[in-house]
Protein backbone atom coordinates (compact mmCIF):
# COMPACT_ATOMS: atom_id res chain seq x y z
CA UNK A 1 -2.50 -1.72 -15.19
CA UNK A 2 -1.12 -3.37 -18.65
CA UNK A 3 -1.73 -1.75 -21.67
CA UNK A 4 -4.41 -3.62 -23.40
CA UNK A 5 -7.50 -3.23 -20.63
CA UNK A 6 -8.94 -6.65 -19.58
CA UNK A 7 -12.65 -7.53 -19.37
CA UNK A 8 -12.71 -6.91 -15.36
CA UNK A 9 -11.20 -5.97 -12.93
CA UNK A 10 -11.47 -6.25 -9.11
CA UNK A 11 -9.65 -4.05 -6.65
CA UNK A 12 -10.46 -5.11 -3.46
CA UNK A 13 -8.82 -4.99 0.39
CA UNK A 14 -7.88 -1.99 3.50
CA UNK A 15 -5.32 0.14 2.25
CA UNK A 16 -8.15 2.65 0.80
CA UNK A 17 -5.41 5.29 -0.50
CA UNK A 18 -3.85 2.45 -3.03
CA UNK A 19 -7.80 1.72 -3.89
CA UNK A 20 -8.21 5.79 -4.29
CA UNK A 21 -5.15 5.87 -6.71
CA UNK A 22 -6.12 2.92 -8.39
CA UNK A 23 -9.40 4.44 -9.19
CA UNK A 24 -8.14 7.69 -10.21
CA UNK A 25 -5.91 5.92 -12.87
CA UNK A 26 -8.37 4.10 -14.45
CA UNK A 27 -10.42 7.05 -14.63
CA UNK A 28 -8.09 9.11 -16.78
CA UNK A 29 -7.08 6.20 -18.85
CA UNK A 30 -11.16 5.84 -19.94
CA UNK A 31 -11.53 9.58 -20.23
CA UNK A 32 -8.45 10.33 -22.00
CA UNK A 33 -9.42 6.94 -24.51
CA UNK A 34 -13.18 7.82 -25.04
CA UNK A 35 -13.78 10.97 -23.22
CA UNK A 36 -16.38 11.29 -20.18
CA UNK A 37 -18.84 9.40 -21.72
CA UNK A 38 -17.50 6.16 -21.87
CA UNK A 39 -17.08 5.81 -18.31
CA UNK A 40 -20.12 5.07 -15.66
CA UNK A 41 -19.65 4.83 -12.11
CA UNK A 42 -22.05 2.78 -9.53
CA UNK A 43 -21.20 4.49 -5.97
CA UNK A 44 -23.44 4.61 -3.01
CA UNK A 45 -25.45 8.00 -3.04
CA UNK A 46 -23.71 9.99 -0.26
CA UNK A 47 -21.83 8.00 1.00
CA UNK A 48 -24.37 5.69 2.49
CA UNK A 49 -26.06 2.01 1.47
CA UNK A 50 -24.43 0.22 -1.40
CA UNK A 51 -24.01 1.18 -5.30
CA UNK A 52 -27.24 0.43 -7.23
CA UNK A 53 -26.60 -3.68 -8.70
CA UNK A 54 -29.33 -3.92 -10.53
CA UNK A 55 -28.73 -0.93 -12.52
CA UNK A 56 -24.98 -1.74 -13.17
CA UNK A 57 -26.54 -5.49 -14.59
CA UNK A 58 -28.62 -3.38 -16.93
CA UNK A 59 -25.51 -1.43 -18.11
CA UNK A 60 -23.39 -4.93 -18.82
CA UNK A 61 -26.31 -6.20 -20.78
CA UNK A 62 -27.07 -3.36 -22.72
CA UNK A 63 -26.36 -2.51 -26.20
CA UNK A 64 -22.99 0.73 -26.41
CA UNK A 65 -23.63 3.13 -28.85
CA UNK A 66 -20.65 4.36 -28.21
CA UNK A 67 -17.85 3.40 -30.41
CA UNK A 68 -15.01 3.02 -27.44
CA UNK A 69 -14.49 0.75 -25.01
CA UNK A 70 -17.19 1.11 -22.39
CA UNK A 71 -16.12 1.30 -18.68
CA UNK A 72 -18.51 0.46 -15.88
CA UNK A 73 -17.22 1.09 -12.34
CA UNK A 74 -18.89 0.31 -9.22
CA UNK A 75 -17.24 1.12 -5.92
CA UNK A 76 -17.97 -0.06 -2.47
CA UNK A 77 -19.64 -3.42 -3.45
CA UNK A 78 -18.74 -4.80 0.07
CA UNK A 79 -22.17 -3.61 0.97
CA UNK A 80 -23.79 -5.69 -1.45
CA UNK A 81 -25.57 -8.48 0.13
CA UNK A 82 -25.38 -12.11 -1.37
CA UNK A 83 -28.68 -11.76 -4.27
CA UNK A 84 -27.35 -8.97 -5.55
CA UNK A 85 -23.28 -9.87 -5.69
CA UNK A 86 -24.99 -13.24 -7.79
CA UNK A 87 -26.62 -10.75 -9.78
CA UNK A 88 -23.65 -8.77 -10.80
CA UNK A 89 -21.58 -12.05 -10.83
CA UNK A 90 -23.78 -13.55 -13.22
CA UNK A 91 -23.37 -10.77 -15.94
CA UNK A 92 -19.59 -10.34 -15.57
CA UNK A 93 -19.50 -13.82 -16.87
CA UNK A 94 -21.87 -12.59 -19.93
CA UNK A 95 -20.64 -9.04 -20.57
CA UNK A 96 -19.54 -7.91 -24.25
CA UNK A 97 -16.01 -7.96 -25.46
CA UNK A 98 -16.12 -3.67 -25.49
CA UNK A 99 -16.64 -3.50 -21.86
CA UNK A 100 -14.57 -3.68 -19.07
CA UNK A 101 -15.90 -3.54 -15.65
CA UNK A 102 -14.19 -2.52 -12.99
CA UNK A 103 -15.30 -3.89 -9.11
CA UNK A 104 -14.46 -2.01 -6.38
CA UNK A 105 -14.57 -3.40 -2.61
CA UNK A 106 -13.35 -1.64 0.92
CA UNK A 107 -12.78 -5.02 2.37
CA UNK A 108 -13.59 -8.77 1.88
CA UNK A 109 -15.79 -10.16 -1.71
CA UNK A 110 -16.91 -13.10 -2.22
CA UNK A 111 -15.44 -15.79 -3.84
CA UNK A 112 -17.78 -16.61 -6.33
CA UNK A 113 -17.20 -12.70 -7.75
CA UNK A 114 -13.14 -13.24 -7.41
CA UNK A 115 -13.56 -16.70 -9.79
CA UNK A 116 -15.94 -15.06 -12.42
CA UNK A 117 -13.29 -11.88 -12.86
CA UNK A 118 -10.37 -14.26 -13.15
CA UNK A 119 -12.67 -17.04 -15.35
CA UNK A 120 -13.41 -13.82 -17.77
CA UNK A 121 -9.72 -12.85 -18.17
CA UNK A 122 -9.37 -10.25 -15.53
CA UNK A 123 -7.53 -8.95 -12.75
CA UNK A 124 -7.70 -9.67 -9.03
CA UNK A 125 -5.61 -6.54 -7.51
CA UNK A 126 -5.29 -6.86 -3.32
CA UNK A 127 -4.47 -3.77 -1.37
CA UNK A 128 -4.31 -4.96 1.98
CA UNK A 129 -3.09 -1.70 4.51
CA UNK A 130 -0.31 -2.37 7.08
CA UNK A 131 -0.35 -3.16 10.62
CA UNK A 132 -0.09 -0.23 13.03
CA UNK A 133 3.47 -1.36 13.85
CA UNK A 134 4.32 -1.33 10.22
CA UNK A 135 2.74 1.99 9.56
CA UNK A 136 6.04 3.84 10.25
CA UNK A 137 7.76 2.30 8.09
CA UNK A 138 4.83 2.13 5.14
CA UNK A 139 5.26 5.77 5.56
CA UNK A 140 8.80 6.28 5.36
CA UNK A 141 8.94 3.45 2.06
CA UNK A 142 6.14 6.02 0.23
CA UNK A 143 8.55 8.44 0.44
CA UNK A 144 11.31 6.60 -0.82
CA UNK A 145 9.18 6.47 -3.92
CA UNK A 146 8.46 10.01 -3.79
CA UNK A 147 12.93 10.62 -4.29
CA UNK A 148 13.49 11.71 -0.32
CA UNK A 149 13.85 10.87 3.17
CA UNK A 150 11.46 10.60 6.04
CA UNK A 151 13.23 9.74 8.80
CA UNK A 152 11.54 6.86 11.97
CA UNK A 153 10.90 10.82 14.01
CA UNK A 154 9.09 12.57 11.33
CA UNK A 155 6.93 9.44 10.20
CA UNK A 156 5.77 8.48 14.31
CA UNK A 157 5.04 12.58 14.31
CA UNK A 158 3.01 12.58 11.41
CA UNK A 159 0.82 9.12 12.62
CA UNK A 160 0.39 10.92 15.88
CA UNK A 161 -0.67 14.34 14.70
CA UNK A 162 -2.81 12.99 11.56
CA UNK A 163 -3.58 9.94 12.91
CA UNK A 164 -3.75 6.41 11.00
CA UNK A 165 -5.61 7.07 8.14
CA UNK A 166 -3.78 5.81 5.22
CA UNK A 167 -5.38 8.50 2.80
CA UNK A 168 -4.38 11.57 4.61
CA UNK A 169 -1.07 9.98 5.77
CA UNK A 170 -0.26 9.64 1.67
CA UNK A 171 -1.54 13.17 0.96
CA UNK A 172 0.52 14.70 3.51
CA UNK A 173 4.14 12.54 2.17
CA UNK A 174 3.18 14.00 -1.46
CA UNK A 175 3.04 16.85 0.25
CA UNK A 176 6.10 16.89 2.12
CA UNK A 177 7.89 15.56 -1.18
CA UNK A 178 7.06 18.68 -3.08
CA UNK A 179 8.91 20.96 -0.03
CA UNK A 180 11.83 18.57 0.25
CA UNK A 181 12.72 18.03 -3.20
CA UNK A 182 14.79 14.62 -4.71
CA UNK A 183 17.07 13.99 -2.38
CA UNK A 184 15.80 16.09 -0.09
CA UNK A 185 15.19 14.98 3.68
CA UNK A 186 12.54 15.85 6.35
CA UNK A 187 13.25 15.53 10.03
CA UNK A 188 10.94 15.93 12.91
CA UNK A 189 12.03 19.12 13.66
CA UNK A 190 11.05 20.25 9.90
CA UNK A 191 7.47 18.82 11.02
CA UNK A 192 6.96 20.65 14.27
CA UNK A 193 6.25 23.64 12.81
CA UNK A 194 5.20 22.81 9.12
CA UNK A 195 2.33 20.48 10.16
CA UNK A 196 -0.97 22.04 10.11
CA UNK A 197 -3.60 21.90 12.79
CA UNK A 198 -6.68 20.51 10.67
CA UNK A 199 -9.64 19.55 12.51
CA UNK A 200 -8.92 16.46 12.33
CA UNK A 201 -5.83 17.28 14.39
CA UNK A 202 -7.49 19.24 16.69
CA UNK A 203 -10.21 16.53 17.30
CA UNK A 204 -7.87 14.17 18.48
CA UNK A 205 -5.99 17.22 20.26
CA UNK A 206 -9.80 17.48 21.86
CA UNK A 207 -9.67 13.74 22.85
CA UNK A 208 -6.38 14.15 24.52
CA UNK A 209 -8.14 17.32 26.80
CA UNK A 210 -10.49 15.04 27.65
CA UNK A 211 -8.07 12.16 28.54
CA UNK A 212 -6.29 14.80 31.42
CA UNK A 213 -8.84 15.82 32.52
CA UNK A 214 -8.88 19.66 31.50
CA UNK A 215 -12.03 21.29 30.83
CA UNK A 216 -10.34 24.78 30.11
CA UNK A 217 -8.66 23.43 27.17
CA UNK A 218 -11.48 21.14 26.28
CA UNK A 219 -13.75 23.98 26.16
CA UNK A 220 -10.87 25.87 23.82
CA UNK A 221 -10.15 23.46 21.06
CA UNK A 222 -14.06 23.37 20.85
CA UNK A 223 -14.04 26.71 19.79
CA UNK A 224 -10.94 26.37 17.71
CA UNK A 225 -12.40 23.60 15.76
CA UNK A 226 -16.05 25.65 15.36
CA UNK A 227 -14.65 29.01 14.55
CA UNK A 228 -12.95 26.80 11.64
CA UNK A 229 -16.38 25.54 10.18
CA UNK A 230 -16.09 22.04 12.07
CA UNK A 231 -19.38 20.36 13.78
CA UNK A 232 -20.25 18.60 16.76
CA UNK A 233 -20.56 15.55 13.91
CA UNK A 234 -16.97 16.04 12.50
CA UNK A 235 -15.24 16.26 15.80
CA UNK A 236 -17.20 13.59 17.80
CA UNK A 237 -15.74 10.10 15.71
CA UNK A 238 -12.00 11.11 16.86
CA UNK A 239 -12.48 12.16 20.28
CA UNK A 240 -14.38 9.68 21.06
CA UNK A 241 -12.42 6.65 19.52
CA UNK A 242 -9.48 8.29 22.03
CA UNK A 243 -11.38 8.59 24.63
CA UNK A 244 -12.85 4.90 24.41
CA UNK A 245 -9.58 4.02 23.75
CA UNK A 246 -8.23 5.33 26.83
CA UNK A 247 -11.27 3.95 28.82
CA UNK A 248 -10.00 0.67 27.95
CA UNK A 249 -6.62 0.83 28.36
CA UNK A 250 -7.43 2.60 32.22
CA UNK A 251 -9.67 -0.49 33.05
CA UNK A 252 -6.79 -2.82 31.68
CA UNK A 253 -4.27 -0.74 34.28
CA UNK A 254 -6.67 -1.26 37.04
CA UNK A 255 -6.99 -5.10 36.40
CA UNK A 256 -3.62 -5.43 36.86
CA UNK A 257 -2.44 -6.01 32.94
CA UNK A 258 1.62 -5.58 31.98
CA UNK A 259 2.14 -2.52 30.25
CA UNK A 260 3.78 -4.87 27.45
CA UNK A 261 0.36 -7.11 26.98
CA UNK A 262 -1.51 -3.92 26.83
CA UNK A 263 0.69 -2.45 24.44
CA UNK A 264 -0.31 -5.15 21.78
CA UNK A 265 -3.97 -4.88 23.27
CA UNK A 266 -4.45 -1.52 22.10
CA UNK A 267 -3.87 -2.14 18.46
CA UNK A 268 -1.73 0.84 17.71
CA UNK A 269 1.69 1.48 17.02
CA UNK A 270 4.22 0.78 20.35
CA UNK A 271 5.00 4.84 20.64
CA UNK A 272 1.28 6.57 20.18
CA UNK A 273 0.39 2.71 22.72
CA UNK A 274 2.81 3.74 25.52
CA UNK A 275 2.33 7.79 25.26
CA UNK A 276 -1.31 6.71 25.77
CA UNK A 277 -0.35 4.56 28.86
CA UNK A 278 1.70 7.73 30.15
CA UNK A 279 -1.15 9.97 29.78
CA UNK A 280 -3.08 8.06 32.41
CA UNK A 281 -1.11 8.19 35.53
CA UNK A 282 -3.26 10.36 37.67
CA UNK A 283 -6.78 9.32 35.70
CA UNK A 284 -9.74 7.56 37.14
CA UNK A 285 -10.85 5.71 36.02
CA UNK A 286 -14.71 6.80 36.87
CA UNK A 287 -13.62 9.68 35.61
CA UNK A 288 -13.05 7.83 32.20
CA UNK A 289 -16.35 6.61 31.76
CA UNK A 290 -17.82 9.76 32.29
CA UNK A 291 -16.13 11.05 29.58
CA UNK A 292 -17.27 7.94 27.39
CA UNK A 293 -20.78 8.06 28.17
CA UNK A 294 -20.43 11.89 27.38
CA UNK A 295 -19.37 11.23 24.00
CA UNK A 296 -21.78 8.45 23.36
CA UNK A 297 -24.56 10.98 24.34
CA UNK A 298 -22.82 13.88 22.00
CA UNK A 299 -22.89 10.90 18.85
CA UNK A 300 -26.99 10.40 19.83
CA UNK A 301 -26.97 13.63 19.65
CA UNK A 302 -25.66 14.61 16.09
CA UNK A 303 -27.61 11.76 14.72
CA UNK A 304 -30.64 13.65 15.65
CA UNK A 305 -31.26 12.99 18.99
CA UNK A 306 -31.39 16.50 19.64
CA UNK A 307 -31.84 19.82 18.45
CA UNK A 308 -28.92 21.57 20.64
CA UNK A 309 -26.40 24.01 17.61
CA UNK A 310 -23.23 22.38 17.58
CA UNK A 311 -21.45 24.69 19.53
CA UNK A 312 -23.66 24.36 22.68
CA UNK A 313 -24.30 20.35 21.65
CA UNK A 314 -19.92 20.15 21.79
CA UNK A 315 -19.65 22.62 24.67
CA UNK A 316 -21.91 20.45 27.20
CA UNK A 317 -20.70 16.80 26.06
CA UNK A 318 -17.74 18.60 27.43
CA UNK A 319 -18.37 19.77 30.68
CA UNK A 320 -20.47 16.39 31.24
CA UNK A 321 -17.29 14.50 30.16
CA UNK A 322 -14.77 16.60 32.47
CA UNK A 323 -17.57 16.90 35.56
CA UNK A 324 -15.61 14.63 37.64
CA UNK A 325 -12.48 16.34 36.82
CA UNK A 326 -13.47 20.02 36.35
C-alpha cells in the first residue's frame, strides 16, 4: 500500500493467501501508527454468518476520540445480502476524512460497492487464485520471490501431498525458504523426507485408501489421525472430496469418456488428474458409490446427526465405505 493511507480499500478475489497477507500487513501498519485501539475488526463469529454490517455503519459514522487515523476492517463481506451491502456503501460515501475502511471479500463484490470505494479515492485490489494447471508455476514463482529455486517436480510433489489450499502452500514455500537459504535449490528428493505427515495430508491418504478399497490401510490411517488429535469432522472434508471426485471419474470412464477429456473435466492439475485416473484401474462403480454414500453419512454424523464418538463414527464409515471391497 502507498505511504499515505487512503479513505477506503476493497480487497477481493479467490487467492486467500494474498488476501490474508494484505490484511496482516494493514493490521501491522494500523497498530504501529495508532496502537491496537486504532483498528476495529468486523468478522463472522466463529467463521459463521457474516460480519455485522449495522455495527460497521454505526462505527463509520461515530465520532472518534482517537487522535490518530481510525481503521475499520470488515472481512467476509461476500456473505452480506444486497440490503446490508447497500447500507455500508452509503456509509463509505459519507465516512469522515480521518477514517480508513477496509472491506474484504473472499469472492465477488457488488459493483455499487466497488464504485463507492473508487469515488472516495480508495483502491480496489483483486487477487485471483491461479488455475489448477498454473498452480505449480505459481509455487515456483513464489519460491523465486523468496530467493531460492523450487523445481517443477518438487512443486507437483507439494500439491499432491498438501492439496491445493493456497494459504497452506504459501506457508510451506516460506518454510522451505528458511531451509534452502538464498540461492538454494529444493528438489523432490529433499521433500520426500521433509514434508510432515500432517492431519490434512493424512486425510488425503485416507481418501486414497478408500479409493483403493483397502479397508486395513484406511482403518490404520484413521487410527493415526485420531491419535494426532484430529476429529472425524476435520477428516471428512478432504476424504469426501477425494472419494466424490473418484466416483465421478470412474462413472465417466465407464461411460467411455477419453482420458484426455476426463483430465480436463476433473479440474485438477494434469499430473494429479492422471494419478487419480490410474488409481481407478480395477475399481468398480458400485464400490466407489458405496464409499461416496458412506462419506456422506459421516458428514451428517459430524454435523450432529448421531452421538457416536469420533473414533467410532470414523471407523463405521470406513467399514461401510469398503464393505464391497473388504
